[in-house]
Amino acid sequence: MTSRKQAKRAVSLKTCRLLYKMGEFDENLMPKMRVSEDSKSYKELFPLWEDESPVKVGEKTVYPGTKNMKRQYPHKPPVFLSECRPQEGQTAHLHVIHMKPVYQRPPPSNNRKMVFYDLLNSGKHGWALLSSKPLPKVCRFPIYMNVGELEINLICNANSFQVSDEQVMMAQKLNTMLFTELLHKLYKNFLVVDQENKEQSYLMVPIIKEGNIGKYVVDWATVEKYPHLPSIKPPNDEQRLAMTFDKKSLEQTVIIPWYRGKFAEQWRIVVEGLNGISGTQSLLHFRI
């Protein structure tokens, strides 16, 4: 051969001739499809698979997978999340929603995002599902915010206890407030409160860690305190001058400036307290 390229071609041609004589290639020098005796058909591997063929509808032929041929899917909610409303005399189960930031902690120079990262990573406060049914183990899954990725771990059956009818009603009022006032953008006119204990009848409740062992319990004080969001009333000049603030108690809390109106877009998280800038020490300015 005069070149390496021609040598490769000659070797490839001889290889094809040998494979054809061995019965591996057909007359078009294409590999023959061989099915092993141990291999299973797709019907054995997928017993619930339904074969669909084109259907004649009038003068048209409708093919599977097109908008003209739809397969009805019976929607059924999970059994563990249905008919699970907490009731008096039954054991209630607490399923904790644990959030953990996966993205890197912002530097101290970016104070706002750093404080928000620490708030998400503290684990002191949070939310949980309150249900009358225990839940099986659920895999961790991610959610994505504009600051980065969060890993969600649902700690199933973190605590079990008895609840009273009064506590259930307080939790129900809190949930109504959450989805109609706090998360008012998600609220639609056709949404109603489930009073019949049917699909997704669990309740969302705030939680805290109790004791040295870190046992999760329902924060009933917060549940009782917020059946509704407090109304925002602009203070007069005398009330503004008499205002005093505790820096530590207000950090990492949510405030709504009264002069901006009651809108979700105007809610702010207090990340740092500052002393009076204009010489008036009775006022505290917040970097939010």
Protein backbone atom coordinates (compact mmCIF):
# COMPACT_ATOMS: atom_id res chain seq x y z
CA MET A 1 0.00 0.00 0.00
CA THR A 2 1.23 3.45 -0.87
CA SER A 3 -0.30 5.14 2.19
CA ARG A 4 -1.61 4.39 5.67
CA LYS A 5 -5.11 5.50 4.67
CA GLN A 6 -5.32 2.93 1.85
CA ALA A 7 -4.02 0.23 4.21
CA LYS A 8 -6.85 0.95 6.66
CA ARG A 9 -9.40 0.70 3.86
CA ALA A 10 -7.99 -2.65 2.69
CA VAL A 11 -8.07 -4.08 6.22
CA SER A 12 -11.66 -2.86 6.68
CA LEU A 13 -12.75 -4.52 3.44
CA LYS A 14 -11.17 -7.85 4.39
CA THR A 15 -12.80 -7.65 7.83
CA CYS A 16 -16.20 -7.13 6.20
CA ARG A 17 -15.66 -10.19 3.95
CA LEU A 18 -14.77 -12.35 6.95
CA LEU A 19 -17.81 -11.14 8.92
CA TYR A 20 -20.05 -11.88 5.91
CA LYS A 21 -18.70 -15.44 5.64
CA MET A 22 -19.25 -15.90 9.39
CA GLY A 23 -22.88 -14.86 9.00
CA GLU A 24 -22.61 -11.65 11.02
CA PHE A 25 -23.34 -9.38 8.02
CA ASP A 26 -26.23 -9.57 5.57
CA GLU A 27 -26.03 -9.00 1.79
CA ASN A 28 -25.96 -5.23 2.36
CA LEU A 29 -23.02 -5.63 4.79
CA MET A 30 -25.24 -4.58 7.70
CA PRO A 31 -25.12 -6.34 11.07
CA LYS A 32 -27.75 -9.01 11.55
CA MET A 33 -30.07 -8.61 14.53
CA ARG A 34 -29.70 -11.56 16.85
CA VAL A 35 -31.98 -12.22 19.82
CA SER A 36 -30.54 -14.16 22.70
CA GLU A 37 -32.56 -17.03 24.14
CA ASP A 38 -32.23 -15.44 27.58
CA SER A 39 -33.51 -12.06 26.47
CA LYS A 40 -37.11 -11.11 27.29
CA SER A 41 -39.59 -9.33 25.10
CA TYR A 42 -40.77 -5.84 26.01
CA LYS A 43 -44.16 -7.29 26.96
CA GLU A 44 -42.48 -9.31 29.73
CA LEU A 45 -40.41 -6.36 30.89
CA PHE A 46 -43.34 -3.92 30.74
CA PRO A 47 -46.48 -5.92 31.59
CA LEU A 48 -48.65 -2.79 31.85
CA TRP A 49 -47.66 -1.47 28.43
CA GLU A 50 -50.61 -0.98 26.10
CA ASP A 51 -50.07 -1.29 22.36
CA GLU A 52 -51.82 1.44 20.44
CA SER A 53 -52.48 1.39 16.75
CA PRO A 54 -53.79 4.16 14.50
CA VAL A 55 -57.56 4.55 14.74
CA LYS A 56 -59.88 5.46 11.89
CA VAL A 57 -62.15 8.35 12.90
CA GLY A 58 -64.40 9.20 9.99
CA GLU A 59 -62.18 9.93 7.05
CA LYS A 60 -59.15 10.72 9.24
CA THR A 61 -56.57 8.35 10.65
CA VAL A 62 -55.66 9.29 14.20
CA TYR A 63 -52.21 8.28 15.43
CA PRO A 64 -51.11 7.67 19.05
CA GLY A 65 -49.28 10.55 20.68
CA THR A 66 -51.07 13.28 18.75
CA LYS A 67 -53.52 15.84 20.10
CA ASN A 68 -56.39 14.12 18.30
CA MET A 69 -55.81 10.88 20.22
CA LYS A 70 -55.62 11.44 23.96
CA ARG A 71 -55.45 8.80 26.65
CA GLN A 72 -57.46 9.57 29.77
CA TYR A 73 -55.47 9.30 32.98
CA PRO A 74 -57.40 8.72 36.22
CA HIS A 75 -55.97 11.21 38.72
CA LYS A 76 -55.72 9.80 42.22
CA PRO A 77 -54.06 11.60 45.16
CA PRO A 78 -51.67 9.68 47.43
CA VAL A 79 -53.37 7.58 50.08
CA PHE A 80 -51.03 8.93 52.79
CA LEU A 81 -52.12 12.52 52.05
CA SER A 82 -55.86 11.85 51.86
CA GLU A 83 -58.30 11.72 54.76
CA CYS A 84 -55.48 12.70 57.09
CA ARG A 85 -56.91 15.73 58.89
CA PRO A 86 -55.81 15.73 62.56
CA GLN A 87 -58.67 14.97 64.93
CA GLU A 88 -59.16 14.88 68.67
CA GLY A 89 -58.66 11.44 70.15
CA GLN A 90 -56.34 10.33 67.33
CA THR A 91 -52.56 10.37 67.22
CA ALA A 92 -51.22 13.24 65.11
CA HIS A 93 -47.90 12.88 63.30
CA LEU A 94 -45.46 15.70 62.64
CA HIS A 95 -43.49 15.60 59.36
CA VAL A 96 -40.76 18.23 59.45
CA ILE A 97 -39.69 20.10 56.30
CA HIS A 98 -35.92 20.58 56.74
CA MET A 99 -34.21 23.02 54.39
CA LYS A 100 -30.46 23.22 53.82
CA PRO A 101 -28.70 25.69 51.48
CA VAL A 102 -26.46 23.91 49.01
CA TYR A 103 -24.88 27.03 47.54
CA GLN A 104 -21.78 28.61 49.07
CA ARG A 105 -22.18 31.00 51.99
CA PRO A 106 -21.91 34.62 50.78
CA PRO A 107 -18.98 36.70 52.05
CA PRO A 108 -19.46 39.17 54.95
CA SER A 109 -19.26 42.03 52.47
CA ASN A 110 -22.66 40.91 51.14
CA ASN A 111 -24.42 41.24 54.47
CA ARG A 112 -27.98 40.80 53.19
CA LYS A 113 -27.42 37.48 51.45
CA MET A 114 -25.15 36.24 54.24
CA VAL A 115 -27.83 36.82 56.91
CA PHE A 116 -30.46 35.21 54.68
CA TYR A 117 -28.17 32.17 54.23
CA ASP A 118 -27.69 31.87 58.01
CA LEU A 119 -31.45 32.16 58.51
CA LEU A 120 -32.11 29.28 56.11
CA ASN A 121 -29.30 27.21 57.61
CA SER A 122 -30.15 27.79 61.28
CA GLY A 123 -32.80 25.06 61.58
CA LYS A 124 -34.20 26.66 64.75
CA HIS A 125 -37.56 27.44 63.21
CA GLY A 126 -39.43 25.93 60.33
CA TRP A 127 -42.60 24.33 59.09
CA ALA A 128 -44.05 20.85 59.18
CA LEU A 129 -47.02 18.82 57.98
CA LEU A 130 -49.47 17.88 60.71
CA SER A 131 -51.30 14.72 59.70
CA SER A 132 -53.25 11.88 61.26
CA LYS A 133 -51.36 9.36 59.10
CA PRO A 134 -47.69 8.36 59.27
CA LEU A 135 -45.71 8.88 56.07
CA PRO A 136 -43.25 6.50 54.41
CA LYS A 137 -39.69 7.66 53.84
CA VAL A 138 -39.37 10.30 51.11
CA CYS A 139 -36.20 10.93 49.11
CA ARG A 140 -34.49 14.28 49.40
CA PHE A 141 -35.12 16.68 46.55
CA PRO A 142 -33.88 20.15 45.50
CA ILE A 143 -35.72 23.42 45.04
CA TYR A 144 -34.25 26.53 43.48
CA MET A 145 -34.46 30.13 44.68
CA ASN A 146 -32.99 33.26 43.17
CA VAL A 147 -30.14 33.01 45.72
CA GLY A 148 -29.28 29.39 44.92
CA GLU A 149 -30.23 25.75 45.44
CA LEU A 150 -31.84 24.35 48.59
CA GLU A 151 -31.96 20.69 49.60
CA ILE A 152 -35.30 19.62 51.08
CA ASN A 153 -35.41 16.71 53.48
CA LEU A 154 -38.83 15.64 54.73
CA ILE A 155 -38.27 14.14 58.19
CA CYS A 156 -41.25 11.82 58.36
CA ASN A 157 -42.86 10.96 61.71
CA ALA A 158 -40.53 13.27 63.64
CA ASN A 159 -42.99 13.44 66.54
CA SER A 160 -46.36 11.98 67.51
CA PHE A 161 -48.84 13.39 70.02
CA GLN A 162 -52.52 14.01 70.78
CA VAL A 163 -54.28 17.19 69.66
CA SER A 164 -57.50 18.83 70.80
CA ASP A 165 -60.30 20.22 68.66
CA GLU A 166 -59.31 23.72 69.73
CA GLN A 167 -55.74 23.21 68.47
CA VAL A 168 -57.00 21.81 65.16
CA MET A 169 -59.24 24.85 64.67
CA MET A 170 -56.36 27.21 65.46
CA ALA A 171 -54.16 25.42 62.92
CA GLN A 172 -56.98 25.60 60.35
CA LYS A 173 -57.28 29.38 60.84
CA LEU A 174 -53.52 29.73 60.46
CA ASN A 175 -53.60 27.81 57.17
CA THR A 176 -56.43 29.99 55.89
CA MET A 177 -54.35 33.06 56.74
CA LEU A 178 -51.28 31.58 55.02
CA PHE A 179 -52.95 30.95 51.68
CA THR A 180 -55.33 33.94 51.58
CA GLU A 181 -53.36 36.73 53.25
CA LEU A 182 -49.68 35.84 53.44
CA LEU A 183 -49.43 33.99 50.10
CA HIS A 184 -52.22 36.02 48.52
CA LYS A 185 -50.66 35.68 45.05
CA LEU A 186 -51.37 31.94 45.16
CA TYR A 187 -54.97 32.42 46.23
CA LYS A 188 -57.65 32.04 43.57
CA ASN A 189 -61.38 32.56 43.83
CA PHE A 190 -62.11 28.89 43.16
CA LEU A 191 -59.93 27.67 46.06
CA VAL A 192 -61.86 26.56 49.13
CA VAL A 193 -60.92 25.24 52.56
CA ASP A 194 -61.27 21.47 52.81
CA GLN A 195 -63.75 20.82 55.61
CA GLU A 196 -64.62 17.26 54.54
CA ASN A 197 -61.28 15.57 55.24
CA LYS A 198 -60.57 14.48 51.67
CA GLU A 199 -57.54 15.06 49.43
CA GLN A 200 -54.49 16.85 50.89
CA SER A 201 -56.30 17.51 54.18
CA TYR A 202 -53.12 17.83 56.26
CA LEU A 203 -52.26 21.14 57.97
CA MET A 204 -49.14 23.30 57.82
CA VAL A 205 -47.85 24.33 61.26
CA PRO A 206 -44.79 26.25 62.50
CA ILE A 207 -42.33 24.27 64.60
CA ILE A 208 -39.51 24.86 67.05
CA LYS A 209 -36.85 22.68 68.65
CA GLU A 210 -37.47 21.83 72.28
CA GLY A 211 -34.89 20.91 74.88
CA ASN A 212 -31.29 19.79 74.52
CA ILE A 213 -32.14 16.78 72.39
CA GLY A 214 -33.65 19.01 69.72
CA LYS A 215 -37.10 17.44 69.56
CA TYR A 216 -39.47 19.12 67.12
CA VAL A 217 -42.76 20.40 68.54
CA VAL A 218 -45.53 22.62 67.20
CA ASP A 219 -45.15 26.30 68.04
CA TRP A 220 -48.69 26.64 69.39
CA ALA A 221 -48.03 30.19 70.61
CA THR A 222 -47.45 31.33 67.02
CA VAL A 223 -50.43 29.31 65.78
CA GLU A 224 -52.70 31.01 68.31
CA LYS A 225 -51.23 34.48 67.70
CA TYR A 226 -51.83 34.66 63.95
CA PRO A 227 -55.36 33.69 62.87
CA HIS A 228 -55.05 36.87 60.76
CA LEU A 229 -52.22 39.18 59.81
CA PRO A 230 -52.14 42.35 61.91
CA SER A 231 -53.49 45.42 60.16
CA ILE A 232 -51.05 48.20 59.31
CA LYS A 233 -51.99 51.57 60.77
CA PRO A 234 -49.78 54.62 60.13
CA PRO A 235 -48.59 56.05 63.50
CA ASN A 236 -48.91 59.71 64.29
CA ASP A 237 -45.96 61.96 65.12
CA GLU A 238 -46.24 61.40 68.88
CA GLN A 239 -46.28 57.62 68.47
CA ARG A 240 -43.29 57.73 66.14
CA LEU A 241 -41.23 59.80 68.60
CA ALA A 242 -42.14 57.43 71.45
CA MET A 243 -41.12 54.30 69.55
CA THR A 244 -38.26 52.21 70.96
CA PHE A 245 -36.81 49.09 69.40
CA ASP A 246 -34.89 46.10 70.67
CA LYS A 247 -32.18 45.41 68.13
CA LYS A 248 -31.69 41.74 69.00
CA SER A 249 -35.38 40.82 69.09
CA LEU A 250 -36.09 42.35 65.66
CA GLU A 251 -33.14 40.91 63.74
CA GLN A 252 -34.09 38.14 61.26
CA THR A 253 -37.77 39.06 61.51
CA VAL A 254 -40.17 40.19 58.80
CA ILE A 255 -41.46 43.75 58.85
CA ILE A 256 -43.79 45.74 56.59
CA PRO A 257 -43.07 49.48 56.30
CA TRP A 258 -46.37 51.22 57.01
CA TYR A 259 -45.64 53.99 54.52
CA ARG A 260 -45.34 51.54 51.62
CA GLY A 261 -48.69 49.84 51.94
CA LYS A 262 -49.64 46.25 52.69
CA PHE A 263 -48.19 44.36 49.75
CA ALA A 264 -46.16 41.15 49.69
CA GLU A 265 -43.54 42.84 47.51
CA GLN A 266 -42.90 45.37 50.30
CA TRP A 267 -42.16 42.85 53.05
CA ARG A 268 -38.60 42.95 54.29
CA ILE A 269 -36.32 40.79 56.45
CA VAL A 270 -34.38 42.71 59.07
CA VAL A 271 -30.72 41.78 58.66
CA GLU A 272 -28.99 44.38 60.82
CA GLY A 273 -29.96 47.09 63.29
CA LEU A 274 -28.31 50.49 63.16
CA ASN A 275 -28.30 53.25 65.76
CA GLY A 276 -29.94 56.57 65.00
CA ILE A 277 -28.12 58.34 62.21
CA SER A 278 -29.56 61.82 62.72
CA GLY A 279 -28.65 61.96 66.40
CA THR A 280 -32.06 60.73 67.62
CA GLN A 281 -31.14 57.69 69.67
CA SER A 282 -34.76 56.63 70.30
CA LEU A 283 -35.11 55.58 66.66
CA LEU A 284 -33.50 52.53 65.12
CA HIS A 285 -32.92 52.31 61.38
CA PHE A 286 -32.86 48.91 59.75
CA ARG A 287 -30.83 47.92 56.73
CA ILE A 288 -33.37 45.75 54.88
